[in-house]
Amino acid sequence: LALLAAAGAPPLRSVLENTKEKKAGGFLVVGPEGDFTDDELARLEEAGAIAVGLGPLRLRVETAAVAIMACVGMMHPAREPPAC
């Protein structure tokens, strides 16, 4: 499963809850300051990445990376969520 953090995309929670792919593993794509270009988004989605949103605020790359890792970790289907 490849998740692509992108402004304006559907919320991460709803994407994870509705995805049929429940395999362990995958990767998270967070990238550049100012977000991806439309061409970059299209190419990443063509390659199989699923665009996900991290909320209404535009986050810095460093913050977005931590946010998406924390959210995915809390919702991982194969493991009990950590006590946070």
C-alpha atoms as a PDB file:
ATOM      1  CA  LEU A   1       0.000   0.000   0.000  1.00  0.00           C
ATOM      2  CA  ALA A   2       1.433   3.364  -1.009  1.00  0.00           C
ATOM      3  CA  LEU A   3      -0.004   6.441   0.675  1.00  0.00           C
ATOM      4  CA  LEU A   4       0.693   9.878  -0.758  1.00  0.00           C
ATOM      5  CA  ALA A   5       0.192  12.883   1.550  1.00  0.00           C
ATOM      6  CA  ALA A   6      -1.382  15.596  -0.592  1.00  0.00           C
ATOM      7  CA  ALA A   7      -3.283  18.791   0.196  1.00  0.00           C
ATOM      8  CA  GLY A   8      -7.007  18.510  -0.451  1.00  0.00           C
ATOM      9  CA  ALA A   9      -7.016  14.698  -0.663  1.00  0.00           C
ATOM     10  CA  PRO A  10      -9.585  12.574   1.205  1.00  0.00           C
ATOM     11  CA  PRO A  11      -8.803  12.144   4.917  1.00  0.00           C
ATOM     12  CA  LEU A  12      -6.266   9.452   5.769  1.00  0.00           C
ATOM     13  CA  ARG A  13      -8.654   7.778   8.222  1.00  0.00           C
ATOM     14  CA  SER A  14     -11.423   7.317   5.635  1.00  0.00           C
ATOM     15  CA  VAL A  15      -8.976   6.028   3.019  1.00  0.00           C
ATOM     16  CA  LEU A  16      -7.528   3.456   5.421  1.00  0.00           C
ATOM     17  CA  GLU A  17     -10.960   2.379   6.650  1.00  0.00           C
ATOM     18  CA  ASN A  18     -12.255   1.915   3.097  1.00  0.00           C
ATOM     19  CA  THR A  19      -9.240   0.355   1.404  1.00  0.00           C
ATOM     20  CA  LYS A  20      -9.546  -3.291   0.499  1.00  0.00           C
ATOM     21  CA  GLU A  21      -5.771  -3.766   0.593  1.00  0.00           C
ATOM     22  CA  LYS A  22      -5.008  -4.788   4.193  1.00  0.00           C
ATOM     23  CA  LYS A  23      -1.487  -6.122   3.698  1.00  0.00           C
ATOM     24  CA  ALA A  24       1.321  -5.327   6.096  1.00  0.00           C
ATOM     25  CA  GLY A  25       4.025  -3.120   4.647  1.00  0.00           C
ATOM     26  CA  GLY A  26       4.050  -0.404   2.072  1.00  0.00           C
ATOM     27  CA  PHE A  27       5.388   3.106   1.943  1.00  0.00           C
ATOM     28  CA  LEU A  28       4.451   6.689   2.690  1.00  0.00           C
ATOM     29  CA  VAL A  29       5.187   9.536   0.300  1.00  0.00           C
ATOM     30  CA  VAL A  30       5.529  13.050   1.709  1.00  0.00           C
ATOM     31  CA  GLY A  31       7.009  15.682  -0.356  1.00  0.00           C
ATOM     32  CA  PRO A  32       8.240  18.872  -1.200  1.00  0.00           C
ATOM     33  CA  GLU A  33       7.530  22.177   0.440  1.00  0.00           C
ATOM     34  CA  GLY A  34       4.537  23.672  -1.355  1.00  0.00           C
ATOM     35  CA  ASP A  35       3.127  20.221  -2.238  1.00  0.00           C
ATOM     36  CA  PHE A  36       3.457  18.184  -5.401  1.00  0.00           C
ATOM     37  CA  THR A  37       2.764  19.592  -8.859  1.00  0.00           C
ATOM     38  CA  ASP A  38      -0.326  18.302 -10.660  1.00  0.00           C
ATOM     39  CA  ASP A  39       1.945  16.282 -12.974  1.00  0.00           C
ATOM     40  CA  GLU A  40       3.792  14.717 -10.030  1.00  0.00           C
ATOM     41  CA  LEU A  41       0.488  13.797  -8.351  1.00  0.00           C
ATOM     42  CA  ALA A  42      -0.825  12.237 -11.555  1.00  0.00           C
ATOM     43  CA  ARG A  43       2.341  10.174 -12.065  1.00  0.00           C
ATOM     44  CA  LEU A  44       2.394   8.956  -8.462  1.00  0.00           C
ATOM     45  CA  GLU A  45      -1.287   7.983  -8.611  1.00  0.00           C
ATOM     46  CA  GLU A  46      -0.735   6.212 -11.957  1.00  0.00           C
ATOM     47  CA  ALA A  47       2.004   4.216 -10.219  1.00  0.00           C
ATOM     48  CA  GLY A  48      -0.516   3.094  -7.588  1.00  0.00           C
ATOM     49  CA  ALA A  49      -0.144   5.639  -4.785  1.00  0.00           C
ATOM     50  CA  ILE A  50      -3.351   6.649  -2.991  1.00  0.00           C
ATOM     51  CA  ALA A  51      -3.605  10.339  -2.125  1.00  0.00           C
ATOM     52  CA  VAL A  52      -4.527  11.018   1.511  1.00  0.00           C
ATOM     53  CA  GLY A  53      -5.124  14.232   3.409  1.00  0.00           C
ATOM     54  CA  LEU A  54      -3.730  15.098   6.823  1.00  0.00           C
ATOM     55  CA  GLY A  55      -6.235  17.778   7.749  1.00  0.00           C
ATOM     56  CA  PRO A  56      -7.082  21.336   6.722  1.00  0.00           C
ATOM     57  CA  LEU A  57      -3.676  22.872   7.508  1.00  0.00           C
ATOM     58  CA  ARG A  58      -0.691  22.852   5.169  1.00  0.00           C
ATOM     59  CA  LEU A  59       2.115  21.108   7.051  1.00  0.00           C
ATOM     60  CA  ARG A  60       5.854  21.402   6.652  1.00  0.00           C
ATOM     61  CA  VAL A  61       7.513  18.279   5.245  1.00  0.00           C
ATOM     62  CA  GLU A  62       9.029  17.380   8.617  1.00  0.00           C
ATOM     63  CA  THR A  63       5.676  17.694  10.379  1.00  0.00           C
ATOM     64  CA  ALA A  64       3.728  15.871   7.654  1.00  0.00           C
ATOM     65  CA  ALA A  65       6.112  12.900   7.796  1.00  0.00           C
ATOM     66  CA  VAL A  66       5.657  12.504  11.547  1.00  0.00           C
ATOM     67  CA  ALA A  67       1.883  13.063  11.295  1.00  0.00           C
ATOM     68  CA  ILE A  68       1.303  10.420   8.627  1.00  0.00           C
ATOM     69  CA  MET A  69       3.517   7.890  10.414  1.00  0.00           C
ATOM     70  CA  ALA A  70       1.655   8.440  13.679  1.00  0.00           C
ATOM     71  CA  CYS A  71      -1.776   8.179  12.052  1.00  0.00           C
ATOM     72  CA  VAL A  72      -0.930   5.016  10.129  1.00  0.00           C
ATOM     73  CA  GLY A  73       0.612   3.490  13.250  1.00  0.00           C
ATOM     74  CA  MET A  74      -2.538   4.170  15.244  1.00  0.00           C
ATOM     75  CA  MET A  75      -4.776   2.615  12.593  1.00  0.00           C
ATOM     76  CA  HIS A  76      -2.618  -0.349  11.521  1.00  0.00           C
ATOM     77  CA  PRO A  77      -5.022  -3.256  10.924  1.00  0.00           C
ATOM     78  CA  ALA A  78      -2.635  -6.009  12.014  1.00  0.00           C
ATOM     79  CA  ARG A  79      -1.503  -4.622  15.347  1.00  0.00           C
ATOM     80  CA  GLU A  80      -3.054  -3.369  18.550  1.00  0.00           C
ATOM     81  CA  PRO A  81      -2.729   0.456  18.603  1.00  0.00           C
ATOM     82  CA  PRO A  82      -0.114   1.884  20.956  1.00  0.00           C
ATOM     83  CA  ALA A  83      -1.314   3.492  24.151  1.00  0.00           C
ATOM     84  CA  CYS A  84      -1.055   7.176  23.297  1.00  0.00           C
END
